[in-house]
């Protein structure tokens, strides 16, 4: 599949992070425990039991961290700047270092909070000052946000939770560096049976085969499927190849009673729905 184009200026992941922080049970306890007992990697400073937490550590940054923590725990986290969110997360992993410069550097290098969180862990660990624990502190927020966004997709009929599906897919795929193709398998009531990654390719293409998609749908007993892939270029406009393979899958599915509800292309700034564009 080739790259493609549409824009809509949607930023899903940051707001999802705040929802995750507010709704996931015992997250405050997690913050306190993480601050007290972090596990540091080679290029991060170790911390022993009984060592002060990030907000209590001596130094000029301790008061600033205390204020950040207070805002998070009193429901004022939505007012934090992107670098302040990253700063506090990094402080859980490297409590005896001023993490503000590193946080600002990361935001600047990756162009924003969303792109930083979805960056591959291996790439993050190659940066000075970023070890396994620091990277994990960032990636757990991505995991939590995606878990929260996927809940209505997993528990409700897909067609009645369409916006929730789009929010989840954009958060998960909009900033990927390589193209991925996934298939959502649905039962007769349009509830999700399986969300499967079927192909992962280069920066501008990934393979998808009609026979394999339909065979897997038959194996799972799917009544319908939704095709999804991303365009790392950021442009969600479908290519001729995108349209051709989608119509092949629709035709093959129709002969076996498997409906193709839609094919969604995710770009950095929006999405394209084949169904809404009249392409299927």
C-alpha atoms as a PDB file:
ATOM      1  CA  UNK A   1       0.000   0.000   0.000  1.00  0.00           C
ATOM      2  CA  UNK A   2       1.275   3.447  -0.889  1.00  0.00           C
ATOM      3  CA  UNK A   3       1.356   6.589   1.204  1.00  0.00           C
ATOM      4  CA  UNK A   4      -1.685   8.860   1.289  1.00  0.00           C
ATOM      5  CA  UNK A   5      -3.534  12.426   2.318  1.00  0.00           C
ATOM      6  CA  UNK A   6      -6.163  14.257   4.493  1.00  0.00           C
ATOM      7  CA  UNK A   7      -5.819  16.603   7.422  1.00  0.00           C
ATOM      8  CA  UNK A   8      -7.978  17.365  10.405  1.00  0.00           C
ATOM      9  CA  UNK A   9      -5.644  18.537  13.199  1.00  0.00           C
ATOM     10  CA  UNK A  10      -6.691  15.993  15.799  1.00  0.00           C
ATOM     11  CA  UNK A  11      -4.541  15.432  18.870  1.00  0.00           C
ATOM     12  CA  UNK A  12      -5.915  12.362  20.627  1.00  0.00           C
ATOM     13  CA  UNK A  13      -3.157  10.974  22.786  1.00  0.00           C
ATOM     14  CA  UNK A  14      -2.536  13.870  25.212  1.00  0.00           C
ATOM     15  CA  UNK A  15      -6.209  14.078  26.257  1.00  0.00           C
ATOM     16  CA  UNK A  16      -6.336  10.309  26.491  1.00  0.00           C
ATOM     17  CA  UNK A  17      -3.379  10.402  28.857  1.00  0.00           C
ATOM     18  CA  UNK A  18      -5.210  12.727  31.228  1.00  0.00           C
ATOM     19  CA  UNK A  19      -8.290  10.491  31.143  1.00  0.00           C
ATOM     20  CA  UNK A  20      -6.092   7.525  31.891  1.00  0.00           C
ATOM     21  CA  UNK A  21      -4.447   9.284  34.820  1.00  0.00           C
ATOM     22  CA  UNK A  22      -7.847  10.224  36.223  1.00  0.00           C
ATOM     23  CA  UNK A  23      -9.688   6.938  35.668  1.00  0.00           C
ATOM     24  CA  UNK A  24      -7.183   4.139  36.159  1.00  0.00           C
ATOM     25  CA  UNK A  25      -7.572   2.824  39.715  1.00  0.00           C
ATOM     26  CA  UNK A  26      -4.837   3.391  42.272  1.00  0.00           C
ATOM     27  CA  UNK A  27      -2.726   5.490  39.897  1.00  0.00           C
ATOM     28  CA  UNK A  28      -1.805   7.859  42.717  1.00  0.00           C
ATOM     29  CA  UNK A  29      -0.461   4.907  44.667  1.00  0.00           C
ATOM     30  CA  UNK A  30       1.487   3.868  41.583  1.00  0.00           C
ATOM     31  CA  UNK A  31       3.096   7.314  41.387  1.00  0.00           C
ATOM     32  CA  UNK A  32       4.152   7.184  45.034  1.00  0.00           C
ATOM     33  CA  UNK A  33       5.483   3.614  44.831  1.00  0.00           C
ATOM     34  CA  UNK A  34       7.299   4.304  41.572  1.00  0.00           C
ATOM     35  CA  UNK A  35       8.970   7.308  43.142  1.00  0.00           C
ATOM     36  CA  UNK A  36      10.061   5.304  46.176  1.00  0.00           C
ATOM     37  CA  UNK A  37      11.249   2.096  44.512  1.00  0.00           C
ATOM     38  CA  UNK A  38      12.412   2.782  40.914  1.00  0.00           C
ATOM     39  CA  UNK A  39      14.636   0.275  39.140  1.00  0.00           C
ATOM     40  CA  UNK A  40      17.370   2.166  37.338  1.00  0.00           C
ATOM     41  CA  UNK A  41      19.350   1.108  34.303  1.00  0.00           C
ATOM     42  CA  UNK A  42      23.024   1.690  33.600  1.00  0.00           C
ATOM     43  CA  UNK A  43      22.859   5.368  32.676  1.00  0.00           C
ATOM     44  CA  UNK A  44      20.352   6.317  35.376  1.00  0.00           C
ATOM     45  CA  UNK A  45      21.065   7.069  39.013  1.00  0.00           C
ATOM     46  CA  UNK A  46      20.165   4.263  41.462  1.00  0.00           C
ATOM     47  CA  UNK A  47      17.912   4.844  44.426  1.00  0.00           C
ATOM     48  CA  UNK A  48      17.965   2.928  47.692  1.00  0.00           C
ATOM     49  CA  UNK A  49      15.068   2.092  49.980  1.00  0.00           C
ATOM     50  CA  UNK A  50      14.311   5.058  52.201  1.00  0.00           C
ATOM     51  CA  UNK A  51      15.722   7.610  49.767  1.00  0.00           C
ATOM     52  CA  UNK A  52      13.474  10.684  49.419  1.00  0.00           C
ATOM     53  CA  UNK A  53      10.881  10.641  46.666  1.00  0.00           C
ATOM     54  CA  UNK A  54      11.253  13.059  43.709  1.00  0.00           C
ATOM     55  CA  UNK A  55       9.128  15.684  45.416  1.00  0.00           C
ATOM     56  CA  UNK A  56      11.082  15.475  48.687  1.00  0.00           C
ATOM     57  CA  UNK A  57      14.651  15.244  47.323  1.00  0.00           C
ATOM     58  CA  UNK A  58      16.900  18.156  48.264  1.00  0.00           C
ATOM     59  CA  UNK A  59      17.762  20.764  45.667  1.00  0.00           C
ATOM     60  CA  UNK A  60      16.100  23.623  43.855  1.00  0.00           C
ATOM     61  CA  UNK A  61      13.997  21.288  41.704  1.00  0.00           C
ATOM     62  CA  UNK A  62      12.261  19.654  44.697  1.00  0.00           C
ATOM     63  CA  UNK A  63       9.818  22.522  45.213  1.00  0.00           C
ATOM     64  CA  UNK A  64       8.972  22.548  41.523  1.00  0.00           C
ATOM     65  CA  UNK A  65       8.320  18.795  41.542  1.00  0.00           C
ATOM     66  CA  UNK A  66       6.120  19.166  44.623  1.00  0.00           C
ATOM     67  CA  UNK A  67       4.033  21.734  42.786  1.00  0.00           C
ATOM     68  CA  UNK A  68       3.740  19.467  39.752  1.00  0.00           C
ATOM     69  CA  UNK A  69       2.666  16.576  41.941  1.00  0.00           C
ATOM     70  CA  UNK A  70       0.102  18.740  43.736  1.00  0.00           C
ATOM     71  CA  UNK A  71      -1.433  19.815  40.432  1.00  0.00           C
ATOM     72  CA  UNK A  72      -1.627  16.214  39.214  1.00  0.00           C
ATOM     73  CA  UNK A  73      -3.220  14.936  42.420  1.00  0.00           C
ATOM     74  CA  UNK A  74      -5.742  17.780  42.686  1.00  0.00           C
ATOM     75  CA  UNK A  75      -7.161  17.436  39.187  1.00  0.00           C
ATOM     76  CA  UNK A  76      -5.197  20.295  37.635  1.00  0.00           C
ATOM     77  CA  UNK A  77      -3.029  18.126  35.402  1.00  0.00           C
ATOM     78  CA  UNK A  78      -4.707  19.301  32.208  1.00  0.00           C
ATOM     79  CA  UNK A  79      -2.985  22.659  32.686  1.00  0.00           C
ATOM     80  CA  UNK A  80       0.520  21.205  32.653  1.00  0.00           C
ATOM     81  CA  UNK A  81       2.752  21.901  29.673  1.00  0.00           C
ATOM     82  CA  UNK A  82       3.922  18.907  27.654  1.00  0.00           C
ATOM     83  CA  UNK A  83       7.465  19.189  28.980  1.00  0.00           C
ATOM     84  CA  UNK A  84       6.157  19.285  32.567  1.00  0.00           C
ATOM     85  CA  UNK A  85       4.350  15.976  32.071  1.00  0.00           C
ATOM     86  CA  UNK A  86       7.521  14.425  30.705  1.00  0.00           C
ATOM     87  CA  UNK A  87       9.603  16.036  33.440  1.00  0.00           C
ATOM     88  CA  UNK A  88       7.529  14.464  36.208  1.00  0.00           C
ATOM     89  CA  UNK A  89       7.479  11.041  34.562  1.00  0.00           C
ATOM     90  CA  UNK A  90      11.258  11.112  34.187  1.00  0.00           C
ATOM     91  CA  UNK A  91      11.626  12.196  37.818  1.00  0.00           C
ATOM     92  CA  UNK A  92      10.068   8.886  38.871  1.00  0.00           C
ATOM     93  CA  UNK A  93      12.885   7.064  37.102  1.00  0.00           C
ATOM     94  CA  UNK A  94      15.810   9.389  37.847  1.00  0.00           C
ATOM     95  CA  UNK A  95      14.829  11.181  41.074  1.00  0.00           C
ATOM     96  CA  UNK A  96      18.196  12.758  41.914  1.00  0.00           C
ATOM     97  CA  UNK A  97      18.565  14.615  38.641  1.00  0.00           C
ATOM     98  CA  UNK A  98      16.894  17.770  37.374  1.00  0.00           C
ATOM     99  CA  UNK A  99      14.815  16.267  34.564  1.00  0.00           C
ATOM    100  CA  UNK A 100      13.446  19.515  33.167  1.00  0.00           C
ATOM    101  CA  UNK A 101      16.252  20.056  30.594  1.00  0.00           C
ATOM    102  CA  UNK A 102      15.953  16.461  29.368  1.00  0.00           C
ATOM    103  CA  UNK A 103      12.162  16.755  29.142  1.00  0.00           C
ATOM    104  CA  UNK A 104      12.394  19.919  27.052  1.00  0.00           C
ATOM    105  CA  UNK A 105      15.027  18.313  24.834  1.00  0.00           C
ATOM    106  CA  UNK A 106      12.810  15.282  24.191  1.00  0.00           C
ATOM    107  CA  UNK A 107       9.746  17.374  23.374  1.00  0.00           C
ATOM    108  CA  UNK A 108      11.800  19.508  21.012  1.00  0.00           C
ATOM    109  CA  UNK A 109      13.491  16.586  19.303  1.00  0.00           C
ATOM    110  CA  UNK A 110      10.312  14.596  18.658  1.00  0.00           C
ATOM    111  CA  UNK A 111       8.025  17.517  17.923  1.00  0.00           C
ATOM    112  CA  UNK A 112       5.498  17.053  20.701  1.00  0.00           C
ATOM    113  CA  UNK A 113       4.157  14.862  23.476  1.00  0.00           C
ATOM    114  CA  UNK A 114       2.230  12.426  21.268  1.00  0.00           C
ATOM    115  CA  UNK A 115       5.152  11.669  18.979  1.00  0.00           C
ATOM    116  CA  UNK A 116       7.458  11.218  21.940  1.00  0.00           C
ATOM    117  CA  UNK A 117       5.183   8.650  23.593  1.00  0.00           C
ATOM    118  CA  UNK A 118       4.727   6.572  20.438  1.00  0.00           C
ATOM    119  CA  UNK A 119       8.432   6.562  19.552  1.00  0.00           C
ATOM    120  CA  UNK A 120       9.965   3.097  19.570  1.00  0.00           C
ATOM    121  CA  UNK A 121      11.550   2.181  22.910  1.00  0.00           C
ATOM    122  CA  UNK A 122      14.848   1.186  21.287  1.00  0.00           C
ATOM    123  CA  UNK A 123      15.141   4.595  19.638  1.00  0.00           C
ATOM    124  CA  UNK A 124      14.489   6.363  22.943  1.00  0.00           C
ATOM    125  CA  UNK A 125      17.149   4.348  24.762  1.00  0.00           C
ATOM    126  CA  UNK A 126      19.809   5.516  22.317  1.00  0.00           C
ATOM    127  CA  UNK A 127      19.422   9.095  23.534  1.00  0.00           C
ATOM    128  CA  UNK A 128      21.800  10.444  26.226  1.00  0.00           C
ATOM    129  CA  UNK A 129      20.259  10.216  29.683  1.00  0.00           C
ATOM    130  CA  UNK A 130      17.538   7.772  28.646  1.00  0.00           C
ATOM    131  CA  UNK A 131      17.820   4.271  30.101  1.00  0.00           C
ATOM    132  CA  UNK A 132      15.318   1.446  30.374  1.00  0.00           C
ATOM    133  CA  UNK A 133      13.575   2.871  33.433  1.00  0.00           C
ATOM    134  CA  UNK A 134      13.156   6.330  31.915  1.00  0.00           C
ATOM    135  CA  UNK A 135      11.793   4.865  28.696  1.00  0.00           C
ATOM    136  CA  UNK A 136       9.417   2.593  30.613  1.00  0.00           C
ATOM    137  CA  UNK A 137       8.124   5.586  32.584  1.00  0.00           C
ATOM    138  CA  UNK A 138       7.071   7.173  29.287  1.00  0.00           C
ATOM    139  CA  UNK A 139       5.807   4.030  27.579  1.00  0.00           C
ATOM    140  CA  UNK A 140       3.528   3.027  30.474  1.00  0.00           C
ATOM    141  CA  UNK A 141       1.524   6.205  29.857  1.00  0.00           C
ATOM    142  CA  UNK A 142       1.039   5.204  26.226  1.00  0.00           C
ATOM    143  CA  UNK A 143      -0.038   1.720  27.299  1.00  0.00           C
ATOM    144  CA  UNK A 144      -2.489   3.125  29.862  1.00  0.00           C
ATOM    145  CA  UNK A 145      -3.972   5.627  27.399  1.00  0.00           C
ATOM    146  CA  UNK A 146      -4.471   2.980  24.712  1.00  0.00           C
ATOM    147  CA  UNK A 147      -6.023   0.613  27.251  1.00  0.00           C
ATOM    148  CA  UNK A 148      -8.514   3.293  28.232  1.00  0.00           C
ATOM    149  CA  UNK A 149      -9.335   4.196  24.628  1.00  0.00           C
ATOM    150  CA  UNK A 150      -9.759   0.553  23.612  1.00  0.00           C
ATOM    151  CA  UNK A 151     -12.279  -0.255  26.348  1.00  0.00           C
ATOM    152  CA  UNK A 152     -15.432   0.875  24.489  1.00  0.00           C
ATOM    153  CA  UNK A 153     -14.094  -0.767  21.327  1.00  0.00           C
ATOM    154  CA  UNK A 154     -13.692  -4.077  23.157  1.00  0.00           C
ATOM    155  CA  UNK A 155     -16.952  -3.976  25.111  1.00  0.00           C
ATOM    156  CA  UNK A 156     -19.543  -2.368  22.818  1.00  0.00           C
ATOM    157  CA  UNK A 157     -20.790  -2.981  19.261  1.00  0.00           C
ATOM    158  CA  UNK A 158     -18.287  -1.306  16.952  1.00  0.00           C
ATOM    159  CA  UNK A 159     -20.785   0.459  14.706  1.00  0.00           C
ATOM    160  CA  UNK A 160     -22.424   2.185  17.678  1.00  0.00           C
ATOM    161  CA  UNK A 161     -19.023   3.241  19.061  1.00  0.00           C
ATOM    162  CA  UNK A 162     -17.537   4.523  15.823  1.00  0.00           C
ATOM    163  CA  UNK A 163     -15.936   7.682  17.201  1.00  0.00           C
ATOM    164  CA  UNK A 164     -14.372   5.685  20.036  1.00  0.00           C
ATOM    165  CA  UNK A 165     -12.891   3.346  17.424  1.00  0.00           C
ATOM    166  CA  UNK A 166     -11.439   6.245  15.437  1.00  0.00           C
ATOM    167  CA  UNK A 167      -9.960   7.820  18.570  1.00  0.00           C
ATOM    168  CA  UNK A 168      -8.317   4.528  19.512  1.00  0.00           C
ATOM    169  CA  UNK A 169      -6.925   3.889  16.031  1.00  0.00           C
ATOM    170  CA  UNK A 170      -5.540   7.420  15.678  1.00  0.00           C
ATOM    171  CA  UNK A 171      -3.861   7.259  19.078  1.00  0.00           C
ATOM    172  CA  UNK A 172      -2.331   3.891  18.262  1.00  0.00           C
ATOM    173  CA  UNK A 173      -1.305   4.376  14.624  1.00  0.00           C
ATOM    174  CA  UNK A 174      -1.141   8.047  13.618  1.00  0.00           C
ATOM    175  CA  UNK A 175       2.534   8.547  14.456  1.00  0.00           C
ATOM    176  CA  UNK A 176       3.973   5.167  13.522  1.00  0.00           C
ATOM    177  CA  UNK A 177       7.153   5.338  11.454  1.00  0.00           C
ATOM    178  CA  UNK A 178       6.263   2.255   9.386  1.00  0.00           C
ATOM    179  CA  UNK A 179       3.094   1.096   7.709  1.00  0.00           C
ATOM    180  CA  UNK A 180       0.944  -1.486   9.458  1.00  0.00           C
ATOM    181  CA  UNK A 181      -2.172  -3.299   8.314  1.00  0.00           C
ATOM    182  CA  UNK A 182      -4.655  -4.691  10.801  1.00  0.00           C
ATOM    183  CA  UNK A 183      -8.025  -6.375  10.529  1.00  0.00           C
ATOM    184  CA  UNK A 184     -10.820  -6.028  13.076  1.00  0.00           C
ATOM    185  CA  UNK A 185     -12.960  -9.176  13.129  1.00  0.00           C
ATOM    186  CA  UNK A 186     -16.584  -8.752  14.240  1.00  0.00           C
ATOM    187  CA  UNK A 187     -19.369 -11.159  15.174  1.00  0.00           C
ATOM    188  CA  UNK A 188     -22.966 -11.015  13.926  1.00  0.00           C
ATOM    189  CA  UNK A 189     -23.747  -8.257  16.459  1.00  0.00           C
ATOM    190  CA  UNK A 190     -20.713  -6.216  15.367  1.00  0.00           C
ATOM    191  CA  UNK A 191     -18.816  -6.897  18.571  1.00  0.00           C
ATOM    192  CA  UNK A 192     -15.065  -7.248  18.337  1.00  0.00           C
ATOM    193  CA  UNK A 193     -13.804 -10.836  18.130  1.00  0.00           C
ATOM    194  CA  UNK A 194     -10.174 -10.113  17.339  1.00  0.00           C
ATOM    195  CA  UNK A 195      -7.971  -7.129  16.480  1.00  0.00           C
ATOM    196  CA  UNK A 196      -5.084  -8.562  14.479  1.00  0.00           C
ATOM    197  CA  UNK A 197      -1.933  -7.124  12.958  1.00  0.00           C
ATOM    198  CA  UNK A 198      -1.652  -8.848   9.590  1.00  0.00           C
ATOM    199  CA  UNK A 199       1.273  -7.021   8.023  1.00  0.00           C
ATOM    200  CA  UNK A 200       4.047  -4.610   8.901  1.00  0.00           C
ATOM    201  CA  UNK A 201       6.100  -3.085   6.138  1.00  0.00           C
ATOM    202  CA  UNK A 202       8.462  -0.327   5.158  1.00  0.00           C
ATOM    203  CA  UNK A 203       8.005   3.389   5.543  1.00  0.00           C
ATOM    204  CA  UNK A 204       5.599   3.514   2.603  1.00  0.00           C
ATOM    205  CA  UNK A 205       4.058   0.089   2.056  1.00  0.00           C
ATOM    206  CA  UNK A 206       2.881  -3.125   3.682  1.00  0.00           C
ATOM    207  CA  UNK A 207       1.438  -6.209   2.048  1.00  0.00           C
ATOM    208  CA  UNK A 208      -2.119  -7.463   2.420  1.00  0.00           C
ATOM    209  CA  UNK A 209      -3.489 -10.519   0.628  1.00  0.00           C
ATOM    210  CA  UNK A 210      -7.163 -11.140  -0.077  1.00  0.00           C
ATOM    211  CA  UNK A 211      -6.950 -14.888   0.379  1.00  0.00           C
ATOM    212  CA  UNK A 212      -5.270 -14.634   3.785  1.00  0.00           C
ATOM    213  CA  UNK A 213      -7.729 -12.032   5.074  1.00  0.00           C
ATOM    214  CA  UNK A 214     -10.784 -14.047   4.049  1.00  0.00           C
ATOM    215  CA  UNK A 215      -9.342 -17.357   5.272  1.00  0.00           C
ATOM    216  CA  UNK A 216      -8.649 -15.854   8.689  1.00  0.00           C
ATOM    217  CA  UNK A 217     -12.178 -14.434   8.842  1.00  0.00           C
ATOM    218  CA  UNK A 218     -13.580 -17.900   8.131  1.00  0.00           C
ATOM    219  CA  UNK A 219     -11.324 -19.472  10.761  1.00  0.00           C
ATOM    220  CA  UNK A 220     -12.572 -17.009  13.386  1.00  0.00           C
ATOM    221  CA  UNK A 221     -16.205 -17.206  12.313  1.00  0.00           C
ATOM    222  CA  UNK A 222     -16.278 -13.481  11.557  1.00  0.00           C
ATOM    223  CA  UNK A 223     -19.533 -12.052  10.253  1.00  0.00           C
ATOM    224  CA  UNK A 224     -17.813  -8.818   9.229  1.00  0.00           C
ATOM    225  CA  UNK A 225     -14.398  -7.178   9.133  1.00  0.00           C
ATOM    226  CA  UNK A 226     -12.940  -3.684   9.164  1.00  0.00           C
ATOM    227  CA  UNK A 227      -9.628  -3.097   7.406  1.00  0.00           C
ATOM    228  CA  UNK A 228      -7.242  -0.537   8.894  1.00  0.00           C
ATOM    229  CA  UNK A 229      -3.818   0.708   7.887  1.00  0.00           C
ATOM    230  CA  UNK A 230      -1.721   3.817   8.426  1.00  0.00           C
ATOM    231  CA  UNK A 231       0.215   6.077   6.098  1.00  0.00           C
ATOM    232  CA  UNK A 232       3.450   7.215   7.795  1.00  0.00           C
ATOM    233  CA  UNK A 233       3.604  10.138   5.362  1.00  0.00           C
ATOM    234  CA  UNK A 234       0.702  11.618   7.320  1.00  0.00           C
ATOM    235  CA  UNK A 235      -1.452  11.774   4.179  1.00  0.00           C
ATOM    236  CA  UNK A 236      -4.514   9.528   4.503  1.00  0.00           C
ATOM    237  CA  UNK A 237      -5.678   9.744   0.880  1.00  0.00           C
ATOM    238  CA  UNK A 238      -6.073   6.182  -0.501  1.00  0.00           C
ATOM    239  CA  UNK A 239      -3.883   5.102  -3.391  1.00  0.00           C
ATOM    240  CA  UNK A 240      -5.167   3.200  -6.420  1.00  0.00           C
ATOM    241  CA  UNK A 241      -3.656   0.065  -4.939  1.00  0.00           C
ATOM    242  CA  UNK A 242      -5.489   0.683  -1.659  1.00  0.00           C
ATOM    243  CA  UNK A 243      -8.794   0.951  -3.509  1.00  0.00           C
ATOM    244  CA  UNK A 244      -8.160  -2.081  -5.728  1.00  0.00           C
ATOM    245  CA  UNK A 245      -7.213  -4.476  -2.925  1.00  0.00           C
ATOM    246  CA  UNK A 246     -10.130  -3.281  -0.796  1.00  0.00           C
ATOM    247  CA  UNK A 247     -12.612  -3.995  -3.569  1.00  0.00           C
ATOM    248  CA  UNK A 248     -11.063  -7.432  -4.112  1.00  0.00           C
ATOM    249  CA  UNK A 249     -11.541  -8.255  -0.428  1.00  0.00           C
ATOM    250  CA  UNK A 250     -15.117  -6.937  -0.505  1.00  0.00           C
ATOM    251  CA  UNK A 251     -15.955  -9.124  -3.510  1.00  0.00           C
ATOM    252  CA  UNK A 252     -14.375 -12.234  -2.008  1.00  0.00           C
ATOM    253  CA  UNK A 253     -16.095 -11.645   1.322  1.00  0.00           C
ATOM    254  CA  UNK A 254     -19.491 -11.147  -0.289  1.00  0.00           C
ATOM    255  CA  UNK A 255     -19.394 -14.601  -1.892  1.00  0.00           C
ATOM    256  CA  UNK A 256     -18.856 -16.149   1.556  1.00  0.00           C
ATOM    257  CA  UNK A 257     -21.200 -13.955   3.576  1.00  0.00           C
ATOM    258  CA  UNK A 258     -18.474 -11.836   5.183  1.00  0.00           C
ATOM    259  CA  UNK A 259     -19.202  -8.112   5.109  1.00  0.00           C
ATOM    260  CA  UNK A 260     -16.480  -5.495   4.839  1.00  0.00           C
ATOM    261  CA  UNK A 261     -17.870  -2.603   6.857  1.00  0.00           C
ATOM    262  CA  UNK A 262     -15.066  -0.194   6.054  1.00  0.00           C
ATOM    263  CA  UNK A 263     -11.429   0.370   5.283  1.00  0.00           C
ATOM    264  CA  UNK A 264      -9.923   3.135   7.405  1.00  0.00           C
ATOM    265  CA  UNK A 265      -6.629   4.832   6.582  1.00  0.00           C
ATOM    266  CA  UNK A 266      -4.979   6.638   9.487  1.00  0.00           C
ATOM    267  CA  UNK A 267      -2.737   9.660   8.916  1.00  0.00           C
ATOM    268  CA  UNK A 268      -1.052  11.979  11.390  1.00  0.00           C
ATOM    269  CA  UNK A 269      -3.704  14.678  11.062  1.00  0.00           C
ATOM    270  CA  UNK A 270      -6.818  12.677  10.305  1.00  0.00           C
ATOM    271  CA  UNK A 271      -8.298   9.620   8.641  1.00  0.00           C
ATOM    272  CA  UNK A 272     -10.107   8.485   5.510  1.00  0.00           C
ATOM    273  CA  UNK A 273     -13.086   6.125   5.574  1.00  0.00           C
ATOM    274  CA  UNK A 274     -13.696   4.218   2.348  1.00  0.00           C
ATOM    275  CA  UNK A 275     -17.364   3.806   3.291  1.00  0.00           C
ATOM    276  CA  UNK A 276     -17.961   7.509   3.887  1.00  0.00           C
ATOM    277  CA  UNK A 277     -16.123   8.369   0.646  1.00  0.00           C
ATOM    278  CA  UNK A 278     -18.291   5.955  -1.354  1.00  0.00           C
ATOM    279  CA  UNK A 279     -15.291   3.835  -2.342  1.00  0.00           C
ATOM    280  CA  UNK A 280     -16.963   0.595  -1.189  1.00  0.00           C
END
